[in-house]
């Protein structure tokens, strides 16, 4: 049974982010991924993993990197280069997805 939010905790790895997205997104319209970049199990390849899950499932995803943590700026720039929006807070990410939904936009 999936619950919202899905918390993969600070011990979550890049692969855990992928698994959580691919298991949850079929049941939801979109996702906000809050990346804990200060952990030793999350690396710079997080951006590629999030983008791959988003593309495979064709669902909108927005990200939020907790600033001040190791890799935060690098991962944020990487997800943006891959076409996934990154926001300074989870609230702003949710608002952006709400605007996307209200405007009727979908991923192609």
N, C-alpha and C. Protein backbone atom coordinates (compact mmCIF):
# COMPACT_ATOMS: atom_id res chain seq x y z
N UNK A 1 0.84 -1.18 0.00
CA UNK A 1 0.00 0.00 0.00
C UNK A 1 0.88 1.24 0.00
N UNK A 2 0.64 2.14 -0.92
CA UNK A 2 1.39 3.38 -1.02
C UNK A 2 0.74 4.46 -0.16
N UNK A 3 1.56 5.22 0.49
CA UNK A 3 1.07 6.35 1.26
C UNK A 3 1.74 7.61 0.74
N UNK A 4 1.09 8.72 0.91
CA UNK A 4 1.61 10.00 0.48
C UNK A 4 1.86 10.82 1.74
N UNK A 5 3.02 11.32 2.03
CA UNK A 5 4.23 11.25 1.22
C UNK A 5 4.98 9.94 1.40
N UNK A 6 5.80 9.64 0.43
CA UNK A 6 6.69 8.48 0.52
C UNK A 6 8.02 9.01 1.04
N UNK A 7 8.44 8.51 2.16
CA UNK A 7 9.67 8.98 2.79
C UNK A 7 10.71 7.88 2.68
N UNK A 8 11.73 8.12 1.85
CA UNK A 8 12.77 7.10 1.71
C UNK A 8 13.91 7.35 2.69
N UNK A 9 13.78 8.32 3.54
CA UNK A 9 14.69 8.66 4.63
C UNK A 9 16.06 9.10 4.15
N UNK A 10 16.85 9.55 5.08
CA UNK A 10 18.20 10.01 4.78
C UNK A 10 19.15 8.92 4.37
N UNK A 11 18.76 7.67 4.57
CA UNK A 11 19.63 6.57 4.15
C UNK A 11 19.30 6.11 2.73
N UNK A 12 18.34 6.79 2.09
CA UNK A 12 17.95 6.42 0.73
C UNK A 12 19.04 6.71 -0.28
N UNK A 13 19.17 5.83 -1.26
CA UNK A 13 20.19 5.96 -2.29
C UNK A 13 19.57 6.45 -3.59
N UNK A 14 20.42 6.67 -4.59
CA UNK A 14 19.93 7.03 -5.91
C UNK A 14 18.92 6.00 -6.40
N UNK A 15 19.24 4.73 -6.23
CA UNK A 15 18.34 3.66 -6.68
C UNK A 15 17.01 3.68 -5.92
N UNK A 16 17.03 4.07 -4.65
CA UNK A 16 15.79 4.17 -3.88
C UNK A 16 14.88 5.26 -4.44
N UNK A 17 15.47 6.38 -4.90
CA UNK A 17 14.66 7.43 -5.53
C UNK A 17 13.99 6.88 -6.78
N UNK A 18 14.74 6.16 -7.59
CA UNK A 18 14.18 5.59 -8.82
C UNK A 18 13.05 4.61 -8.49
N UNK A 19 13.30 3.71 -7.57
CA UNK A 19 12.30 2.71 -7.20
C UNK A 19 11.04 3.37 -6.65
N UNK A 20 11.20 4.37 -5.80
CA UNK A 20 10.04 5.06 -5.23
C UNK A 20 9.22 5.74 -6.33
N UNK A 21 9.90 6.40 -7.26
CA UNK A 21 9.19 7.08 -8.34
C UNK A 21 8.48 6.08 -9.26
N UNK A 22 9.15 5.03 -9.65
CA UNK A 22 8.54 4.09 -10.60
C UNK A 22 7.41 3.28 -9.97
N UNK A 23 7.45 3.10 -8.66
CA UNK A 23 6.36 2.39 -8.00
C UNK A 23 5.19 3.31 -7.66
N UNK A 24 5.47 4.58 -7.38
CA UNK A 24 4.42 5.49 -6.95
C UNK A 24 3.74 6.24 -8.09
N UNK A 25 4.51 6.72 -9.05
CA UNK A 25 3.94 7.60 -10.08
C UNK A 25 2.79 6.99 -10.88
N UNK A 26 2.74 5.70 -11.12
CA UNK A 26 1.56 5.18 -11.81
C UNK A 26 0.25 5.44 -11.05
N UNK A 27 0.34 5.69 -9.75
CA UNK A 27 -0.85 5.89 -8.92
C UNK A 27 -1.17 7.36 -8.65
N UNK A 28 -0.30 8.26 -9.11
CA UNK A 28 -0.47 9.70 -8.85
C UNK A 28 -0.33 10.48 -10.15
N UNK A 29 -0.80 11.72 -10.14
CA UNK A 29 -0.72 12.58 -11.32
C UNK A 29 0.66 13.21 -11.50
N UNK A 30 1.38 13.42 -10.41
CA UNK A 30 2.67 14.10 -10.46
C UNK A 30 3.42 13.81 -9.16
N UNK A 31 4.67 14.27 -9.10
CA UNK A 31 5.46 14.07 -7.89
C UNK A 31 6.37 15.26 -7.64
N UNK A 32 6.57 15.55 -6.37
CA UNK A 32 7.61 16.48 -5.94
C UNK A 32 8.67 15.63 -5.26
N UNK A 33 9.87 15.70 -5.78
CA UNK A 33 10.98 14.93 -5.23
C UNK A 33 11.87 15.88 -4.44
N UNK A 34 11.95 15.65 -3.15
CA UNK A 34 12.83 16.45 -2.30
C UNK A 34 14.11 15.63 -2.12
N UNK A 35 15.18 16.11 -2.71
CA UNK A 35 16.43 15.36 -2.71
C UNK A 35 17.28 15.78 -1.52
N UNK A 36 17.64 14.81 -0.72
CA UNK A 36 18.51 15.05 0.43
C UNK A 36 19.95 14.86 -0.03
N UNK A 37 20.54 15.92 -0.54
CA UNK A 37 21.85 15.81 -1.16
C UNK A 37 23.00 15.75 -0.17
N UNK A 38 22.75 15.90 1.09
CA UNK A 38 23.82 15.87 2.07
C UNK A 38 24.17 14.48 2.55
N UNK A 39 23.45 13.48 2.08
CA UNK A 39 23.73 12.12 2.53
C UNK A 39 24.82 11.50 1.68
N UNK A 40 25.44 10.48 2.19
CA UNK A 40 26.52 9.82 1.45
C UNK A 40 25.99 8.85 0.41
N UNK A 41 24.69 8.53 0.46
CA UNK A 41 24.13 7.54 -0.47
C UNK A 41 23.49 8.18 -1.69
N UNK A 42 23.36 9.50 -1.72
CA UNK A 42 22.82 10.22 -2.88
C UNK A 42 23.99 10.90 -3.58
N UNK A 43 24.08 10.70 -4.89
CA UNK A 43 25.22 11.23 -5.64
C UNK A 43 24.74 12.20 -6.71
N UNK A 44 25.69 12.68 -7.50
CA UNK A 44 25.36 13.59 -8.59
C UNK A 44 24.50 12.93 -9.66
N UNK A 45 24.48 11.61 -9.71
CA UNK A 45 23.67 10.94 -10.74
C UNK A 45 22.18 10.90 -10.38
N UNK A 46 21.81 11.46 -9.24
CA UNK A 46 20.39 11.53 -8.86
C UNK A 46 19.56 12.18 -9.95
N UNK A 47 20.10 13.22 -10.56
CA UNK A 47 19.37 13.95 -11.61
C UNK A 47 19.01 13.02 -12.75
N UNK A 48 19.95 12.21 -13.20
CA UNK A 48 19.69 11.29 -14.30
C UNK A 48 18.64 10.25 -13.92
N UNK A 49 18.69 9.79 -12.69
CA UNK A 49 17.74 8.78 -12.23
C UNK A 49 16.33 9.36 -12.16
N UNK A 50 16.19 10.56 -11.63
CA UNK A 50 14.88 11.21 -11.55
C UNK A 50 14.34 11.47 -12.96
N UNK A 51 15.19 11.96 -13.85
CA UNK A 51 14.77 12.24 -15.22
C UNK A 51 14.35 10.96 -15.94
N UNK A 52 15.08 9.89 -15.72
CA UNK A 52 14.73 8.62 -16.38
C UNK A 52 13.36 8.13 -15.93
N UNK A 53 13.08 8.18 -14.64
CA UNK A 53 11.78 7.75 -14.13
C UNK A 53 10.66 8.63 -14.68
N UNK A 54 10.89 9.93 -14.71
CA UNK A 54 9.90 10.87 -15.23
C UNK A 54 9.59 10.58 -16.70
N UNK A 55 10.63 10.36 -17.48
CA UNK A 55 10.47 10.11 -18.91
C UNK A 55 9.77 8.77 -19.16
N UNK A 56 10.17 7.74 -18.42
CA UNK A 56 9.58 6.41 -18.60
C UNK A 56 8.09 6.42 -18.27
N UNK A 57 7.70 7.15 -17.23
CA UNK A 57 6.32 7.14 -16.77
C UNK A 57 5.48 8.27 -17.35
N UNK A 58 6.14 9.21 -18.03
CA UNK A 58 5.45 10.32 -18.68
C UNK A 58 4.55 11.09 -17.71
N UNK A 59 5.11 11.37 -16.54
CA UNK A 59 4.40 12.14 -15.52
C UNK A 59 5.26 13.34 -15.13
N UNK A 60 4.62 14.46 -14.80
CA UNK A 60 5.39 15.63 -14.39
C UNK A 60 6.01 15.44 -13.00
N UNK A 61 7.25 15.87 -12.91
CA UNK A 61 7.99 15.81 -11.65
C UNK A 61 8.67 17.16 -11.45
N UNK A 62 8.60 17.65 -10.24
CA UNK A 62 9.35 18.85 -9.86
C UNK A 62 10.25 18.45 -8.70
N UNK A 63 11.38 19.12 -8.59
CA UNK A 63 12.33 18.77 -7.55
C UNK A 63 12.59 19.95 -6.62
N UNK A 64 13.10 19.62 -5.47
CA UNK A 64 13.54 20.61 -4.50
C UNK A 64 14.80 20.05 -3.85
N UNK A 65 15.88 20.80 -3.93
CA UNK A 65 17.13 20.41 -3.29
C UNK A 65 17.23 21.21 -2.00
N UNK A 66 17.48 20.53 -0.92
CA UNK A 66 17.63 21.25 0.34
C UNK A 66 18.97 21.97 0.31
N UNK A 67 18.91 23.28 0.21
CA UNK A 67 20.11 24.10 0.04
C UNK A 67 21.04 24.00 1.23
N UNK A 68 22.30 24.26 0.95
CA UNK A 68 23.30 24.24 1.99
C UNK A 68 23.88 22.86 2.22
N UNK A 69 23.38 21.88 1.50
CA UNK A 69 23.90 20.53 1.66
C UNK A 69 24.82 20.20 0.50
N UNK A 70 25.68 19.24 0.73
CA UNK A 70 26.63 18.80 -0.28
C UNK A 70 25.91 18.38 -1.55
N UNK A 71 26.41 18.77 -2.69
CA UNK A 71 25.91 18.45 -4.02
C UNK A 71 24.62 19.19 -4.40
N UNK A 72 24.00 19.95 -3.52
CA UNK A 72 22.69 20.54 -3.81
C UNK A 72 22.71 21.35 -5.10
N UNK A 73 23.66 22.25 -5.25
CA UNK A 73 23.69 23.08 -6.45
C UNK A 73 24.00 22.26 -7.69
N UNK A 74 24.91 21.29 -7.59
CA UNK A 74 25.25 20.46 -8.75
C UNK A 74 24.05 19.63 -9.21
N UNK A 75 23.35 19.02 -8.26
CA UNK A 75 22.19 18.20 -8.62
C UNK A 75 21.09 19.09 -9.17
N UNK A 76 20.88 20.26 -8.58
CA UNK A 76 19.85 21.19 -9.06
C UNK A 76 20.13 21.59 -10.51
N UNK A 77 21.35 21.95 -10.81
CA UNK A 77 21.70 22.32 -12.19
C UNK A 77 21.53 21.14 -13.14
N UNK A 78 21.88 19.96 -12.67
CA UNK A 78 21.76 18.76 -13.51
C UNK A 78 20.31 18.44 -13.85
N UNK A 79 19.41 18.52 -12.87
CA UNK A 79 18.01 18.21 -13.18
C UNK A 79 17.43 19.26 -14.12
N UNK A 80 17.83 20.51 -13.95
CA UNK A 80 17.33 21.55 -14.85
C UNK A 80 17.82 21.33 -16.27
N UNK A 81 19.08 20.91 -16.44
CA UNK A 81 19.60 20.61 -17.77
C UNK A 81 18.83 19.47 -18.43
N UNK A 82 18.31 18.56 -17.61
CA UNK A 82 17.56 17.41 -18.12
C UNK A 82 16.07 17.72 -18.28
N UNK A 83 15.69 18.98 -18.09
CA UNK A 83 14.32 19.40 -18.33
C UNK A 83 13.37 19.24 -17.15
N UNK A 84 13.90 19.02 -15.97
CA UNK A 84 13.06 18.88 -14.78
C UNK A 84 13.22 20.14 -13.94
N UNK A 85 12.11 20.80 -13.62
CA UNK A 85 12.23 22.03 -12.84
C UNK A 85 12.69 21.77 -11.41
N UNK A 86 13.50 22.68 -10.91
CA UNK A 86 13.98 22.62 -9.53
C UNK A 86 13.57 23.91 -8.83
N UNK A 87 13.06 23.78 -7.63
CA UNK A 87 12.55 24.92 -6.88
C UNK A 87 13.24 25.02 -5.54
N UNK A 88 13.26 26.23 -4.96
CA UNK A 88 13.95 26.42 -3.68
C UNK A 88 13.19 25.86 -2.48
N UNK A 89 11.91 25.50 -2.67
CA UNK A 89 11.14 24.95 -1.55
C UNK A 89 10.11 23.96 -2.09
N UNK A 90 9.70 23.01 -1.26
CA UNK A 90 8.65 22.07 -1.68
C UNK A 90 7.34 22.78 -2.01
N UNK A 91 7.03 23.84 -1.27
CA UNK A 91 5.79 24.58 -1.51
C UNK A 91 5.75 25.17 -2.91
N UNK A 92 6.87 25.74 -3.34
CA UNK A 92 6.92 26.33 -4.69
C UNK A 92 6.83 25.24 -5.76
N UNK A 93 7.41 24.09 -5.50
CA UNK A 93 7.32 22.98 -6.45
C UNK A 93 5.87 22.52 -6.59
N UNK A 94 5.16 22.42 -5.48
CA UNK A 94 3.75 22.02 -5.51
C UNK A 94 2.92 23.06 -6.25
N UNK A 95 3.17 24.34 -5.98
CA UNK A 95 2.42 25.39 -6.69
C UNK A 95 2.65 25.32 -8.19
N UNK A 96 3.86 25.06 -8.60
CA UNK A 96 4.16 24.96 -10.04
C UNK A 96 3.42 23.79 -10.67
N UNK A 97 3.39 22.65 -10.00
CA UNK A 97 2.66 21.50 -10.53
C UNK A 97 1.16 21.78 -10.57
N UNK A 98 0.65 22.52 -9.59
CA UNK A 98 -0.77 22.88 -9.58
C UNK A 98 -1.12 23.76 -10.78
N UNK A 99 -0.25 24.71 -11.10
CA UNK A 99 -0.47 25.56 -12.28
C UNK A 99 -0.46 24.72 -13.54
N UNK A 100 0.47 23.79 -13.63
CA UNK A 100 0.55 22.90 -14.78
C UNK A 100 -0.76 22.12 -14.93
N UNK A 101 -1.25 21.60 -13.84
CA UNK A 101 -2.50 20.82 -13.86
C UNK A 101 -3.69 21.68 -14.25
N UNK A 102 -3.81 22.86 -13.63
CA UNK A 102 -4.95 23.74 -13.92
C UNK A 102 -4.95 24.21 -15.37
N UNK A 103 -3.77 24.36 -15.94
CA UNK A 103 -3.69 24.84 -17.33
C UNK A 103 -3.94 23.72 -18.33
N UNK A 104 -4.04 22.49 -17.84
CA UNK A 104 -4.33 21.36 -18.72
C UNK A 104 -3.12 20.85 -19.48
N UNK A 105 -1.94 21.27 -19.09
CA UNK A 105 -0.72 20.81 -19.78
C UNK A 105 -0.43 19.36 -19.42
N UNK A 106 0.08 18.64 -20.39
CA UNK A 106 0.50 17.26 -20.16
C UNK A 106 1.86 17.05 -20.80
N UNK A 107 2.53 15.99 -20.40
CA UNK A 107 3.81 15.66 -21.02
C UNK A 107 3.56 14.92 -22.32
N UNK A 108 4.39 15.18 -23.30
CA UNK A 108 4.26 14.49 -24.59
C UNK A 108 5.34 13.47 -24.75
